[in-house]
Amino acid sequence: MDMESLIRNLSQMQIQAFFEQNAPVTQAQCNTEAERITGEPVKPTAVQGGCSYTVVTESGSLVVQFRSSDSTLDLGFLRDIEQAYEGFAPHHESVGKVGKVHVYRMNNVGGVAMYLARDQLHANDCLLLKKTLQDYARFFSSAWWNTPQTMKDTDRGELLQTYDAQLAVMERGLPSRFRQTLKQVRSRLPELSAEDWPMVPNHIDLRENNIHVGLR
């Protein structure tokens, strides 16, 4: 089965699970509400999430996302993220609820999920992939320069413990050839928690289904 079919099947399963968990709210209700909010016909996005249902307008300009009550968005924090990653992250706004489900509207950042663009990214001697890696570097460097100083700081000690515990699990579970590298990484983790090291917002699940790429 090709990647597009796998993602389509996964998305259908996630949509079904979302509405089972948030009954009696239905997919039809959410679609109707999204059309009312945007003034356009909508359709589910190709890639869905585990705790939300997302649709895009027919014009492709707007996205509406429905989220469970235990997975609401922190709009204050998102304002900091939008500034830190200006040009990469959409602007989010809360637009009400459908039953117990929270509704958010955002502009569409465009492109397609990397999962669905593998062939194009690797074509022509990986021309688009190389461009994507350059943009990826710009994405991360953007936060170094643009994160607002007023953003609430995270407990660096807690982060250090969390990251070290995660790397310890990897060190135990990965093949032995990786262990020396992981030991070196773990030994230098305290440097990242130093007070003079910039703290920026980051995505804890930044992988192919959560990254959009342009194909031109």
Protein backbone atom coordinates (compact mmCIF):
# COMPACT_ATOMS: atom_id res chain seq x y z
CA MET A 1 0.00 0.00 0.00
CA ASP A 2 1.36 3.43 -0.92
CA MET A 3 1.90 6.23 1.60
CA GLU A 4 -1.12 8.24 0.42
CA SER A 5 -3.43 5.26 1.00
CA LEU A 6 -1.89 4.58 4.41
CA ILE A 7 -2.37 8.19 5.51
CA ARG A 8 -5.93 8.24 4.17
CA ASN A 9 -6.81 5.09 6.12
CA LEU A 10 -5.13 6.40 9.27
CA SER A 11 -6.97 9.72 9.00
CA GLN A 12 -10.31 7.94 8.61
CA MET A 13 -9.58 5.90 11.74
CA GLN A 14 -8.62 9.04 13.67
CA ILE A 15 -11.78 10.87 12.58
CA GLN A 16 -13.94 7.94 13.62
CA ALA A 17 -12.19 7.68 16.99
CA PHE A 18 -12.51 11.43 17.60
CA PHE A 19 -16.27 11.45 17.16
CA GLU A 20 -16.73 8.27 19.16
CA GLN A 21 -14.89 9.93 22.04
CA ASN A 22 -16.83 13.20 21.67
CA ALA A 23 -20.34 11.87 21.07
CA PRO A 24 -23.03 13.05 20.62
CA VAL A 25 -21.17 15.67 18.52
CA THR A 26 -21.04 14.44 14.91
CA GLN A 27 -18.80 15.05 11.93
CA ALA A 28 -21.73 16.54 10.02
CA GLN A 29 -22.34 19.05 12.83
CA CYS A 30 -18.69 20.10 12.78
CA ASN A 31 -18.66 20.46 9.01
CA THR A 32 -21.78 22.63 9.14
CA GLU A 33 -20.27 24.81 11.87
CA ALA A 34 -17.02 25.19 9.92
CA GLU A 35 -18.95 26.27 6.83
CA ARG A 36 -20.87 28.80 8.92
CA ILE A 37 -17.63 30.19 10.38
CA THR A 38 -15.77 30.47 7.08
CA GLY A 39 -18.64 31.04 4.65
CA GLU A 40 -17.25 28.31 2.39
CA PRO A 41 -17.65 24.57 1.78
CA VAL A 42 -15.10 22.52 3.73
CA LYS A 43 -13.50 19.10 3.56
CA PRO A 44 -11.34 17.11 6.00
CA THR A 45 -7.61 17.71 5.66
CA ALA A 46 -5.56 14.85 4.25
CA VAL A 47 -3.66 14.41 7.51
CA GLN A 48 -5.56 14.36 10.81
CA GLY A 49 -4.46 14.30 14.45
CA GLY A 50 -5.08 11.98 17.34
CA CYS A 51 -7.12 14.44 19.45
CA SER A 52 -8.70 16.74 16.88
CA TYR A 53 -10.72 16.95 13.67
CA THR A 54 -9.48 19.42 11.05
CA VAL A 55 -11.11 20.76 7.89
CA VAL A 56 -9.92 23.14 5.18
CA THR A 57 -12.04 25.49 3.09
CA GLU A 58 -12.65 24.94 -0.60
CA SER A 59 -10.47 27.96 -1.43
CA GLY A 60 -7.69 26.58 0.75
CA SER A 61 -7.30 29.84 2.67
CA LEU A 62 -8.69 28.85 6.07
CA VAL A 63 -8.53 25.87 8.41
CA VAL A 64 -10.99 25.05 11.19
CA GLN A 65 -9.99 22.63 13.92
CA PHE A 66 -12.21 20.92 16.48
CA ARG A 67 -10.50 19.76 19.67
CA SER A 68 -11.53 17.66 22.64
CA SER A 69 -12.06 19.46 25.94
CA ASP A 70 -8.89 17.86 27.34
CA SER A 71 -6.80 19.06 24.38
CA THR A 72 -7.65 22.76 24.15
CA LEU A 73 -5.11 25.22 22.78
CA ASP A 74 -3.26 27.70 25.00
CA LEU A 75 -3.89 30.82 22.91
CA GLY A 76 -1.63 32.98 25.06
CA PHE A 77 1.29 30.64 24.46
CA LEU A 78 0.38 30.40 20.79
CA ARG A 79 0.76 34.17 20.46
CA ASP A 80 4.37 33.77 21.58
CA ILE A 81 4.83 30.90 19.12
CA GLU A 82 3.36 32.93 16.27
CA GLN A 83 5.89 35.69 16.99
CA ALA A 84 8.81 33.30 17.44
CA TYR A 85 8.08 31.48 14.18
CA GLU A 86 6.59 34.32 12.17
CA GLY A 87 5.87 33.20 8.63
CA PHE A 88 5.95 29.53 9.59
CA ALA A 89 3.08 29.23 12.09
CA PRO A 90 -0.58 30.15 11.50
CA HIS A 91 -2.59 32.65 13.53
CA HIS A 92 -5.07 30.87 15.81
CA GLU A 93 -8.33 32.16 17.23
CA SER A 94 -11.05 30.55 19.30
CA VAL A 95 -14.45 30.70 17.60
CA GLY A 96 -16.69 28.88 20.07
CA LYS A 97 -17.80 25.32 20.78
CA VAL A 98 -19.93 22.57 19.32
CA GLY A 99 -21.26 20.75 22.34
CA LYS A 100 -18.18 20.03 24.45
CA VAL A 101 -15.81 20.32 21.48
CA HIS A 102 -13.74 23.51 21.18
CA VAL A 103 -13.46 25.21 17.78
CA TYR A 104 -10.48 27.15 16.41
CA ARG A 105 -9.95 29.00 13.15
CA MET A 106 -6.56 29.65 11.55
CA ASN A 107 -5.07 30.67 8.24
CA ASN A 108 -3.75 27.86 6.07
CA VAL A 109 0.06 27.83 5.94
CA GLY A 110 -0.14 25.97 2.62
CA GLY A 111 1.89 23.11 1.24
CA VAL A 112 1.35 19.44 1.98
CA ALA A 113 2.45 17.15 4.80
CA MET A 114 5.93 15.72 4.25
CA TYR A 115 4.43 12.23 4.46
CA LEU A 116 2.66 12.93 1.17
CA ALA A 117 5.60 14.61 -0.57
CA ARG A 118 8.39 12.07 -0.24
CA ASP A 119 8.68 11.30 -3.95
CA GLN A 120 8.74 14.97 -4.93
CA LEU A 121 11.29 15.83 -2.22
CA HIS A 122 13.69 13.14 -3.42
CA ALA A 123 13.30 13.85 -7.14
CA ASN A 124 15.94 15.72 -9.18
CA ASP A 125 18.80 14.75 -6.88
CA CYS A 126 16.79 15.79 -3.79
CA LEU A 127 16.52 19.39 -5.00
CA LEU A 128 13.38 20.20 -2.98
CA LEU A 129 14.61 18.26 0.05
CA LYS A 130 17.78 20.38 0.16
CA LYS A 131 15.67 23.55 -0.02
CA THR A 132 13.43 22.18 2.73
CA LEU A 133 16.44 21.57 4.98
CA GLN A 134 17.53 25.18 4.47
CA ASP A 135 14.06 26.38 5.42
CA TYR A 136 14.08 24.00 8.38
CA ALA A 137 17.24 25.70 9.63
CA ARG A 138 15.62 29.12 9.16
CA PHE A 139 12.60 27.86 11.11
CA PHE A 140 14.69 26.97 14.15
CA SER A 141 16.91 30.05 13.98
CA SER A 142 13.80 32.25 13.81
CA ALA A 143 12.95 31.40 17.41
CA TRP A 144 16.40 32.42 18.61
CA TRP A 145 15.83 35.95 17.34
CA ASN A 146 12.08 36.42 17.63
CA THR A 147 10.88 34.69 20.80
CA PRO A 148 9.30 37.44 22.97
CA GLN A 149 11.20 38.19 26.16
CA THR A 150 7.88 38.23 28.00
CA MET A 151 7.26 34.54 27.28
CA LYS A 152 6.88 32.55 30.48
CA ASP A 153 10.08 30.65 31.22
CA THR A 154 9.96 26.90 31.71
CA ASP A 155 11.62 25.23 34.70
CA ARG A 156 15.02 24.31 33.25
CA GLY A 157 15.67 21.69 35.91
CA GLU A 158 12.47 19.86 35.06
CA LEU A 159 13.30 19.95 31.36
CA LEU A 160 16.76 18.56 32.06
CA GLN A 161 15.31 15.66 34.03
CA THR A 162 12.70 14.94 31.35
CA TYR A 163 15.16 14.98 28.45
CA ASP A 164 17.74 12.92 30.33
CA ALA A 165 15.13 10.29 31.21
CA GLN A 166 14.04 10.08 27.57
CA LEU A 167 17.62 9.69 26.36
CA ALA A 168 18.24 7.05 29.03
CA VAL A 169 15.38 4.99 27.60
CA MET A 170 16.85 5.37 24.12
CA GLU A 171 20.30 4.40 25.38
CA ARG A 172 18.94 1.18 26.84
CA GLY A 173 16.75 0.32 23.87
CA LEU A 174 18.80 1.22 20.81
CA PRO A 175 21.54 -1.00 19.32
CA SER A 176 24.89 -0.80 21.11
CA ARG A 177 26.53 1.17 18.27
CA PHE A 178 24.47 4.23 19.26
CA ARG A 179 25.22 4.15 22.98
CA GLN A 180 28.49 6.07 22.97
CA THR A 181 26.88 8.92 21.05
CA LEU A 182 23.93 9.00 23.43
CA LYS A 183 26.26 9.05 26.43
CA GLN A 184 28.02 12.07 24.95
CA VAL A 185 24.70 13.82 24.32
CA ARG A 186 23.51 13.10 27.88
CA SER A 187 26.77 14.41 29.34
CA ARG A 188 26.25 17.76 27.62
CA LEU A 189 22.56 18.17 28.40
CA PRO A 190 23.25 20.43 31.42
CA GLU A 191 24.72 22.99 29.00
CA LEU A 192 21.29 23.40 27.41
CA SER A 193 19.72 24.21 30.78
CA ALA A 194 22.25 26.93 31.63
CA GLU A 195 20.67 30.26 32.52
CA ASP A 196 22.52 32.09 29.72
CA TRP A 197 21.21 29.69 27.07
CA PRO A 198 18.13 31.02 25.23
CA MET A 199 14.85 29.27 25.92
CA VAL A 200 12.48 29.06 22.94
CA PRO A 201 9.11 27.36 22.31
CA ASN A 202 9.46 24.07 20.48
CA HIS A 203 7.22 21.37 19.03
CA ILE A 204 7.61 18.08 20.91
CA ASP A 205 6.26 16.06 17.99
CA LEU A 206 7.83 17.76 14.97
CA ARG A 207 7.83 14.97 12.42
CA GLU A 208 6.64 14.38 8.86
CA ASN A 209 2.92 14.51 9.57
CA ASN A 210 3.28 17.86 11.38
CA ILE A 211 5.47 19.62 8.80
CA HIS A 212 4.09 21.15 5.61
CA VAL A 213 6.35 21.64 2.60
CA GLY A 214 5.88 23.52 -0.65
CA LEU A 215 6.37 21.58 -3.87
CA ARG A 216 7.67 24.47 -5.97
